[in-house]
Amino acid sequence: MITDIFGWIGTALVLFSFTLSNMFKLRIVNAIGSIAWVVYGIQTEIMPTIFINTCVLIIHTIWLIKNKKQWVNLF
């Protein structure tokens, strides 16, 4: 049951992230959702889930580093 919670939280965050118009906020929320999915994948030992969400996290991290000037406009 607790394992499923991480999957549902990840799903909700990823879906919510696509409603955001600010690309920086979208990537932050989506990355947090991906972290929840990685936790879910580890708990359930589903390697494709771990792999794809780790890749998504890397992509978001690279983008966030390249566009760190937008951090000022976050709040």
C-alpha atoms as a PDB file:
ATOM      1  CA  MET A   1       0.000   0.000   0.000  1.00  0.00           C
ATOM      2  CA  ILE A   2       2.721   2.513   0.968  1.00  0.00           C
ATOM      3  CA  THR A   3       4.572   1.552  -2.207  1.00  0.00           C
ATOM      4  CA  ASP A   4       1.590   2.547  -4.332  1.00  0.00           C
ATOM      5  CA  ILE A   5       1.486   5.952  -2.655  1.00  0.00           C
ATOM      6  CA  PHE A   6       4.857   6.889  -4.198  1.00  0.00           C
ATOM      7  CA  GLY A   7       3.593   5.828  -7.620  1.00  0.00           C
ATOM      8  CA  TRP A   8       0.411   7.881  -7.278  1.00  0.00           C
ATOM      9  CA  ILE A   9       2.251  10.923  -5.932  1.00  0.00           C
ATOM     10  CA  GLY A  10       4.682  10.696  -8.844  1.00  0.00           C
ATOM     11  CA  THR A  11       1.811  10.387 -11.293  1.00  0.00           C
ATOM     12  CA  ALA A  12      -0.048  13.368  -9.805  1.00  0.00           C
ATOM     13  CA  LEU A  13       3.052  15.567  -9.830  1.00  0.00           C
ATOM     14  CA  VAL A  14       4.016  14.677 -13.396  1.00  0.00           C
ATOM     15  CA  LEU A  15       0.479  15.321 -14.625  1.00  0.00           C
ATOM     16  CA  PHE A  16       0.248  18.582 -12.665  1.00  0.00           C
ATOM     17  CA  SER A  17       3.588  19.739 -14.045  1.00  0.00           C
ATOM     18  CA  PHE A  18       2.123  19.814 -17.560  1.00  0.00           C
ATOM     19  CA  THR A  19      -0.439  22.422 -16.477  1.00  0.00           C
ATOM     20  CA  LEU A  20       2.312  24.894 -15.590  1.00  0.00           C
ATOM     21  CA  SER A  21       3.166  27.598 -18.102  1.00  0.00           C
ATOM     22  CA  ASN A  22       6.570  28.415 -16.586  1.00  0.00           C
ATOM     23  CA  MET A  23       9.115  25.946 -17.979  1.00  0.00           C
ATOM     24  CA  PHE A  24      11.342  26.234 -14.894  1.00  0.00           C
ATOM     25  CA  LYS A  25       8.480  25.353 -12.528  1.00  0.00           C
ATOM     26  CA  LEU A  26       7.327  22.585 -14.858  1.00  0.00           C
ATOM     27  CA  ARG A  27      10.760  20.962 -14.752  1.00  0.00           C
ATOM     28  CA  ILE A  28      11.062  21.282 -10.957  1.00  0.00           C
ATOM     29  CA  VAL A  29       7.643  19.711 -10.303  1.00  0.00           C
ATOM     30  CA  ASN A  30       8.202  17.055 -12.960  1.00  0.00           C
ATOM     31  CA  ALA A  31      11.605  16.215 -11.449  1.00  0.00           C
ATOM     32  CA  ILE A  32      10.049  15.771  -8.010  1.00  0.00           C
ATOM     33  CA  GLY A  33       7.470  13.479  -9.597  1.00  0.00           C
ATOM     34  CA  SER A  34      10.277  11.531 -11.245  1.00  0.00           C
ATOM     35  CA  ILE A  35      11.987  11.133  -7.877  1.00  0.00           C
ATOM     36  CA  ALA A  36       8.765   9.660  -6.479  1.00  0.00           C
ATOM     37  CA  TRP A  37       8.647   7.291  -9.465  1.00  0.00           C
ATOM     38  CA  VAL A  38      12.263   6.228  -8.891  1.00  0.00           C
ATOM     39  CA  VAL A  39      11.412   5.446  -5.252  1.00  0.00           C
ATOM     40  CA  TYR A  40       8.392   3.482  -6.456  1.00  0.00           C
ATOM     41  CA  GLY A  41      10.535   1.646  -9.004  1.00  0.00           C
ATOM     42  CA  ILE A  42      13.123   0.726  -6.378  1.00  0.00           C
ATOM     43  CA  GLN A  43      10.472  -0.531  -3.981  1.00  0.00           C
ATOM     44  CA  THR A  44       8.790  -2.636  -6.639  1.00  0.00           C
ATOM     45  CA  GLU A  45      12.062  -3.575  -8.388  1.00  0.00           C
ATOM     46  CA  ILE A  46      10.800  -2.371 -11.777  1.00  0.00           C
ATOM     47  CA  MET A  47      13.960  -1.485 -13.670  1.00  0.00           C
ATOM     48  CA  PRO A  48      12.338   0.275 -16.666  1.00  0.00           C
ATOM     49  CA  THR A  49      10.611   2.703 -14.276  1.00  0.00           C
ATOM     50  CA  ILE A  50      13.871   3.391 -12.476  1.00  0.00           C
ATOM     51  CA  PHE A  51      15.751   3.814 -15.766  1.00  0.00           C
ATOM     52  CA  ILE A  52      13.361   6.191 -17.538  1.00  0.00           C
ATOM     53  CA  ASN A  53      12.807   8.404 -14.521  1.00  0.00           C
ATOM     54  CA  THR A  54      16.521   8.571 -13.767  1.00  0.00           C
ATOM     55  CA  CYS A  55      17.041   9.685 -17.377  1.00  0.00           C
ATOM     56  CA  VAL A  56      14.288  12.303 -16.992  1.00  0.00           C
ATOM     57  CA  LEU A  57      15.972  13.572 -13.811  1.00  0.00           C
ATOM     58  CA  ILE A  58      19.304  13.893 -15.598  1.00  0.00           C
ATOM     59  CA  ILE A  59      17.685  15.792 -18.477  1.00  0.00           C
ATOM     60  CA  HIS A  60      15.897  18.152 -16.076  1.00  0.00           C
ATOM     61  CA  THR A  61      19.075  18.690 -14.046  1.00  0.00           C
ATOM     62  CA  ILE A  62      21.092  19.597 -17.132  1.00  0.00           C
ATOM     63  CA  TRP A  63      18.379  21.991 -18.317  1.00  0.00           C
ATOM     64  CA  LEU A  64      18.076  23.603 -14.876  1.00  0.00           C
ATOM     65  CA  ILE A  65      21.841  24.131 -14.659  1.00  0.00           C
ATOM     66  CA  LYS A  66      21.981  25.640 -18.154  1.00  0.00           C
ATOM     67  CA  ASN A  67      19.044  27.935 -17.357  1.00  0.00           C
ATOM     68  CA  LYS A  68      19.885  28.842 -13.769  1.00  0.00           C
ATOM     69  CA  LYS A  69      19.219  32.530 -14.448  1.00  0.00           C
ATOM     70  CA  GLN A  70      15.498  31.684 -14.339  1.00  0.00           C
ATOM     71  CA  TRP A  71      15.849  30.658 -10.689  1.00  0.00           C
ATOM     72  CA  VAL A  72      15.500  34.320  -9.744  1.00  0.00           C
ATOM     73  CA  ASN A  73      12.042  34.446 -11.345  1.00  0.00           C
ATOM     74  CA  LEU A  74      10.801  31.334  -9.561  1.00  0.00           C
ATOM     75  CA  PHE A  75       9.178  33.263  -6.743  1.00  0.00           C
END
